[in-house]
Amino acid sequence: MSELIHFEVSAGIARLTLNNPRRLNAVNAEMWQALPGFLAKVADDPAIRVLVLAGAGERAFCTGNDISEFDTVRADPEAAARYNGWQREVANALQRMEKPIIAAMHGYCLGAGFEFALMSDFRHASADTRVGIPAVKLGLPYRLEDIEKVADVVGLARAREMVLLGRQYGGEELLGLGLVQRVLPDLAAMEEAVAALAAELAANAPLSLRAAKIAFQELARRDGPPDRTRTQVAEDRCYASRDYAEGRVAKAEKRPPAFLGV
């Protein structure tokens, strides 16, 4: 596993931190290839209920791909296809994740970093957060699959503006665009809000969270109508669970439920 990624789990909350602050947490080839392993740990561990995505240091969440290595790993169409495959594997893992994901955004959040945020269920930002898609300023194509992620959140008209201009957005603009749920005064306040949100989510019934995530994934499908069989299976698992019984008992006894995910 890469030393450029920190991974820790506490109280059912996994925190995956891009640890490349010297490069403003830009993601290099080593990191792209390591990320699927960490995401598989989150997906496969029943003790993990929530995933937080973060960036090390005070200057950036993630500035996207590490362009300093493009001359060696993304210099021609063949190399680009291989590199794009690494990215696609990470995107697929995030989009398939059946547990809530929170993006803890601060400083620069650009390109692929912005996509990490878009694929999260919740996005909290500090006031210094700057979001943008700089592809047109680098001579890179912003691919259809990436534009889809932007359009799903902000709509086609605003997606055109963001992609074609390549400008950055910050502060209250992020709320107006619907890119974040909250803008906090500074990094410390943002981290405090993210911790509280993660704890609130982790206290909810894991199977209920999973059923809801699956439903949202099916609603967002572009390759066909929602798979209602998949959603029904997830819903039936909730109805048959001990947690459903625990929720009813806890409600009757006027106490917080203790969900186990079974």
Protein backbone atom coordinates (compact mmCIF):
# COMPACT_ATOMS: atom_id res chain seq x y z
CA MET A 1 0.00 0.00 0.00
CA SER A 2 1.19 3.53 -0.80
CA GLU A 3 2.69 5.75 1.92
CA LEU A 4 1.06 8.61 0.03
CA ILE A 5 -2.32 7.46 1.36
CA HIS A 6 -3.20 7.34 5.06
CA PHE A 7 -5.99 5.00 6.14
CA GLU A 8 -7.42 4.67 9.62
CA VAL A 9 -10.60 3.32 11.17
CA SER A 10 -12.18 4.40 14.44
CA ALA A 11 -15.70 3.88 15.84
CA GLY A 12 -16.97 2.54 12.53
CA ILE A 13 -15.63 5.50 10.54
CA ALA A 14 -12.87 5.02 7.97
CA ARG A 15 -10.78 8.05 7.04
CA LEU A 16 -8.83 7.91 3.79
CA THR A 17 -6.40 10.81 3.49
CA LEU A 18 -4.48 11.71 0.35
CA ASN A 19 -1.03 12.29 1.84
CA ASN A 20 0.91 14.12 -0.84
CA PRO A 21 0.90 17.69 0.53
CA ARG A 22 4.15 18.62 -1.22
CA ARG A 23 2.21 18.24 -4.47
CA LEU A 24 -1.01 19.67 -2.97
CA ASN A 25 -2.31 16.11 -2.70
CA ALA A 26 -2.21 15.56 -6.44
CA VAL A 27 -2.80 11.89 -7.25
CA ASN A 28 0.08 10.14 -9.01
CA ALA A 29 0.19 6.77 -10.72
CA GLU A 30 1.24 4.98 -7.52
CA MET A 31 -1.73 6.42 -5.65
CA TRP A 32 -4.24 5.62 -8.40
CA GLN A 33 -3.14 2.00 -8.34
CA ALA A 34 -3.27 1.80 -4.53
CA LEU A 35 -6.66 3.43 -3.99
CA PRO A 36 -8.83 0.45 -5.10
CA GLY A 37 -7.29 -1.70 -2.35
CA PHE A 38 -8.22 0.80 0.34
CA LEU A 39 -11.73 1.22 -1.05
CA ALA A 40 -12.16 -2.56 -1.09
CA LYS A 41 -11.29 -2.61 2.63
CA VAL A 42 -14.09 -0.14 3.29
CA ALA A 43 -16.57 -2.04 1.17
CA ASP A 44 -15.74 -5.45 2.64
CA ASP A 45 -15.41 -4.65 6.36
CA PRO A 46 -18.81 -4.81 8.10
CA ALA A 47 -17.38 -2.84 11.03
CA ILE A 48 -16.89 0.19 8.76
CA ARG A 49 -20.08 2.19 8.36
CA VAL A 50 -18.90 5.51 6.90
CA LEU A 51 -16.00 6.67 4.70
CA VAL A 52 -14.44 10.15 4.99
CA LEU A 53 -12.24 11.40 2.13
CA ALA A 54 -9.69 14.05 3.12
CA GLY A 55 -6.45 15.72 2.06
CA ALA A 56 -3.33 16.20 4.19
CA GLY A 57 -1.96 19.62 5.05
CA GLU A 58 -3.66 23.02 5.07
CA ARG A 59 -3.54 24.01 1.39
CA ALA A 60 -5.54 21.44 -0.55
CA PHE A 61 -8.06 18.62 -0.52
CA CYS A 62 -6.72 17.40 -3.87
CA THR A 63 -5.53 19.27 -6.97
CA GLY A 64 -6.29 16.40 -9.33
CA ASN A 65 -3.75 14.36 -11.26
CA ASP A 66 -0.04 14.87 -10.72
CA ILE A 67 0.80 16.41 -14.10
CA SER A 68 4.53 16.40 -13.29
CA GLU A 69 4.63 12.73 -14.29
CA PHE A 70 2.48 12.99 -17.44
CA ASP A 71 5.54 12.93 -19.73
CA THR A 72 6.22 9.38 -18.55
CA VAL A 73 2.83 7.87 -17.67
CA ARG A 74 0.32 9.76 -19.85
CA ALA A 75 2.29 11.05 -22.83
CA ASP A 76 0.44 9.35 -25.71
CA PRO A 77 -2.96 7.72 -26.40
CA GLU A 78 -1.80 4.25 -25.33
CA ALA A 79 -0.33 5.48 -22.05
CA ALA A 80 -3.38 7.68 -21.50
CA ALA A 81 -5.70 4.68 -21.92
CA ARG A 82 -3.77 2.76 -19.24
CA TYR A 83 -3.76 5.77 -16.90
CA ASN A 84 -7.46 6.41 -17.50
CA GLY A 85 -8.11 2.77 -16.63
CA TRP A 86 -6.57 3.30 -13.19
CA GLN A 87 -8.79 6.33 -12.67
CA ARG A 88 -11.87 4.50 -13.89
CA GLU A 89 -11.29 1.65 -11.42
CA VAL A 90 -11.25 4.14 -8.54
CA ALA A 91 -14.34 5.95 -9.83
CA ASN A 92 -16.22 2.68 -10.20
CA ALA A 93 -15.32 1.66 -6.64
CA LEU A 94 -16.56 4.97 -5.26
CA GLN A 95 -19.74 4.91 -7.30
CA ARG A 96 -20.49 1.33 -6.24
CA MET A 97 -19.76 1.99 -2.55
CA GLU A 98 -22.79 0.92 -0.50
CA LYS A 99 -21.76 2.99 2.52
CA PRO A 100 -22.06 6.77 2.96
CA ILE A 101 -19.10 8.85 1.79
CA ILE A 102 -18.23 12.31 3.12
CA ALA A 103 -15.80 14.65 1.35
CA ALA A 104 -13.93 16.89 3.82
CA MET A 105 -13.00 19.71 1.42
CA HIS A 106 -10.51 22.50 2.04
CA GLY A 107 -8.20 24.63 -0.06
CA TYR A 108 -7.85 23.57 -3.68
CA CYS A 109 -10.29 20.93 -4.93
CA LEU A 110 -9.59 20.60 -8.63
CA GLY A 111 -9.98 18.09 -11.45
CA ALA A 112 -9.92 14.54 -10.13
CA GLY A 113 -10.11 15.92 -6.59
CA PHE A 114 -13.37 17.61 -7.51
CA GLU A 115 -14.59 14.28 -8.90
CA PHE A 116 -13.84 12.56 -5.58
CA ALA A 117 -16.10 15.15 -3.96
CA LEU A 118 -18.82 14.74 -6.60
CA MET A 119 -18.91 10.98 -5.98
CA SER A 120 -19.42 11.54 -2.25
CA ASP A 121 -22.84 11.64 -0.61
CA PHE A 122 -21.98 14.65 1.55
CA ARG A 123 -19.61 17.53 0.86
CA HIS A 124 -18.52 19.90 3.62
CA ALA A 125 -16.10 22.70 2.71
CA SER A 126 -14.03 25.24 4.61
CA ALA A 127 -14.37 28.85 3.49
CA ASP A 128 -11.05 28.75 1.63
CA THR A 129 -12.16 25.89 -0.67
CA ARG A 130 -11.65 26.53 -4.39
CA VAL A 131 -13.34 24.13 -6.80
CA GLY A 132 -12.62 23.91 -10.51
CA ILE A 133 -12.05 21.80 -13.61
CA PRO A 134 -8.83 23.04 -15.27
CA ALA A 135 -8.71 20.55 -18.17
CA VAL A 136 -9.20 23.20 -20.89
CA LYS A 137 -6.27 25.16 -19.48
CA LEU A 138 -4.02 22.08 -19.71
CA GLY A 139 -4.97 20.83 -23.17
CA LEU A 140 -6.65 17.76 -21.69
CA PRO A 141 -10.04 16.35 -22.69
CA TYR A 142 -12.64 16.30 -19.96
CA ARG A 143 -14.20 12.96 -20.75
CA LEU A 144 -17.89 12.18 -21.11
CA GLU A 145 -17.91 10.00 -18.01
CA ASP A 146 -16.43 12.87 -15.99
CA ILE A 147 -18.83 15.49 -17.38
CA GLU A 148 -21.68 13.17 -16.41
CA LYS A 149 -20.58 13.36 -12.76
CA VAL A 150 -20.66 17.17 -12.85
CA ALA A 151 -23.99 17.37 -14.68
CA ASP A 152 -25.60 14.95 -12.23
CA VAL A 153 -24.91 17.45 -9.42
CA VAL A 154 -25.19 20.91 -11.02
CA GLY A 155 -27.16 20.28 -14.23
CA LEU A 156 -26.03 20.58 -17.85
CA ALA A 157 -26.02 24.38 -18.08
CA ARG A 158 -23.74 24.91 -15.09
CA ALA A 159 -21.63 21.89 -16.09
CA ARG A 160 -20.99 23.57 -19.47
CA GLU A 161 -19.90 26.72 -17.67
CA MET A 162 -17.56 24.89 -15.31
CA VAL A 163 -15.96 22.68 -17.98
CA LEU A 164 -15.69 25.16 -20.87
CA LEU A 165 -14.39 28.08 -18.79
CA GLY A 166 -12.16 26.09 -16.45
CA ARG A 167 -12.56 28.75 -13.78
CA GLN A 168 -12.58 28.25 -10.01
CA TYR A 169 -15.47 28.69 -7.61
CA GLY A 170 -15.46 29.26 -3.88
CA GLY A 171 -17.35 30.39 -0.79
CA GLU A 172 -21.08 30.95 -1.14
CA GLU A 173 -20.87 30.07 -4.86
CA LEU A 174 -20.40 26.45 -3.81
CA LEU A 175 -23.69 26.52 -1.93
CA GLY A 176 -25.46 28.29 -4.78
CA LEU A 177 -24.30 25.67 -7.26
CA GLY A 178 -25.39 22.87 -4.96
CA LEU A 179 -21.81 21.56 -4.85
CA VAL A 180 -21.67 21.40 -1.04
CA GLN A 181 -24.14 21.08 1.81
CA ARG A 182 -22.18 23.32 4.17
CA VAL A 183 -19.42 25.93 4.04
CA LEU A 184 -17.62 26.25 7.39
CA PRO A 185 -15.49 29.23 8.51
CA ASP A 186 -12.15 27.42 8.55
CA LEU A 187 -10.44 24.03 8.40
CA ALA A 188 -10.97 23.26 12.10
CA ALA A 189 -14.69 24.03 11.93
CA MET A 190 -15.05 21.94 8.79
CA GLU A 191 -13.32 18.96 10.40
CA GLU A 192 -15.53 19.29 13.48
CA ALA A 193 -18.66 19.33 11.32
CA VAL A 194 -17.46 16.33 9.31
CA ALA A 195 -16.72 14.37 12.50
CA ALA A 196 -20.21 15.11 13.84
CA LEU A 197 -21.84 14.12 10.55
CA ALA A 198 -19.82 10.89 10.33
CA ALA A 199 -20.77 9.95 13.89
CA GLU A 200 -24.45 10.64 13.17
CA LEU A 201 -24.35 8.44 10.07
CA ALA A 202 -22.43 5.67 11.85
CA ALA A 203 -25.17 5.49 14.49
CA ASN A 204 -27.82 4.70 11.86
CA ALA A 205 -28.77 1.19 10.76
CA PRO A 206 -26.12 -0.06 8.31
CA LEU A 207 -28.55 -2.15 6.28
CA SER A 208 -30.91 0.81 5.96
CA LEU A 209 -28.04 3.00 4.79
CA ARG A 210 -27.03 0.32 2.29
CA ALA A 211 -30.57 0.01 0.92
CA ALA A 212 -30.76 3.78 0.45
CA LYS A 213 -27.35 3.94 -1.24
CA ILE A 214 -28.35 1.17 -3.64
CA ALA A 215 -31.58 3.00 -4.46
CA PHE A 216 -29.70 6.22 -5.22
CA GLN A 217 -27.21 4.31 -7.37
CA GLU A 218 -30.02 2.78 -9.39
CA LEU A 219 -31.76 6.14 -9.81
CA ALA A 220 -28.51 7.57 -11.22
CA ARG A 221 -28.03 4.80 -13.79
CA ARG A 222 -27.49 5.94 -17.37
CA ASP A 223 -27.32 2.50 -18.99
CA GLY A 224 -30.95 1.61 -18.41
CA PRO A 225 -33.85 1.86 -15.96
CA PRO A 226 -33.32 1.26 -12.24
CA ASP A 227 -32.76 -2.37 -11.28
CA ARG A 228 -35.75 -2.78 -8.98
CA THR A 229 -34.84 -6.36 -8.19
CA ARG A 230 -31.55 -5.19 -6.69
CA THR A 231 -33.28 -2.53 -4.60
CA GLN A 232 -35.97 -4.96 -3.45
CA VAL A 233 -33.37 -7.46 -2.25
CA ALA A 234 -31.71 -4.72 -0.17
CA GLU A 235 -35.07 -3.60 1.21
CA ASP A 236 -36.12 -7.16 2.12
CA ARG A 237 -32.85 -7.67 3.94
CA CYS A 238 -33.77 -4.71 6.16
CA TYR A 239 -37.23 -6.10 6.92
CA ALA A 240 -35.70 -9.47 7.88
CA SER A 241 -32.93 -7.99 10.03
CA ARG A 242 -32.40 -7.94 13.77
CA ASP A 243 -31.75 -4.22 13.42
CA TYR A 244 -35.33 -3.64 12.28
CA ALA A 245 -36.55 -5.38 15.44
CA GLU A 246 -34.04 -3.40 17.52
CA GLY A 247 -35.28 -0.15 16.00
CA ARG A 248 -38.87 -0.92 17.00
CA VAL A 249 -37.92 -1.97 20.52
CA ALA A 250 -35.68 1.03 21.04
CA LYS A 251 -38.47 3.34 19.88
CA ALA A 252 -40.91 1.74 22.33
CA GLU A 253 -38.38 1.94 25.16
CA LYS A 254 -37.47 5.53 24.28
CA ARG A 255 -33.74 4.83 24.01
CA PRO A 256 -31.14 5.10 21.23
CA PRO A 257 -31.02 1.93 19.11
CA ALA A 258 -27.87 -0.21 19.06
CA PHE A 259 -27.62 -1.35 15.46
CA LEU A 260 -25.30 -4.23 14.54
CA GLY A 261 -25.78 -4.44 10.79
CA VAL A 262 -27.48 -7.83 10.92
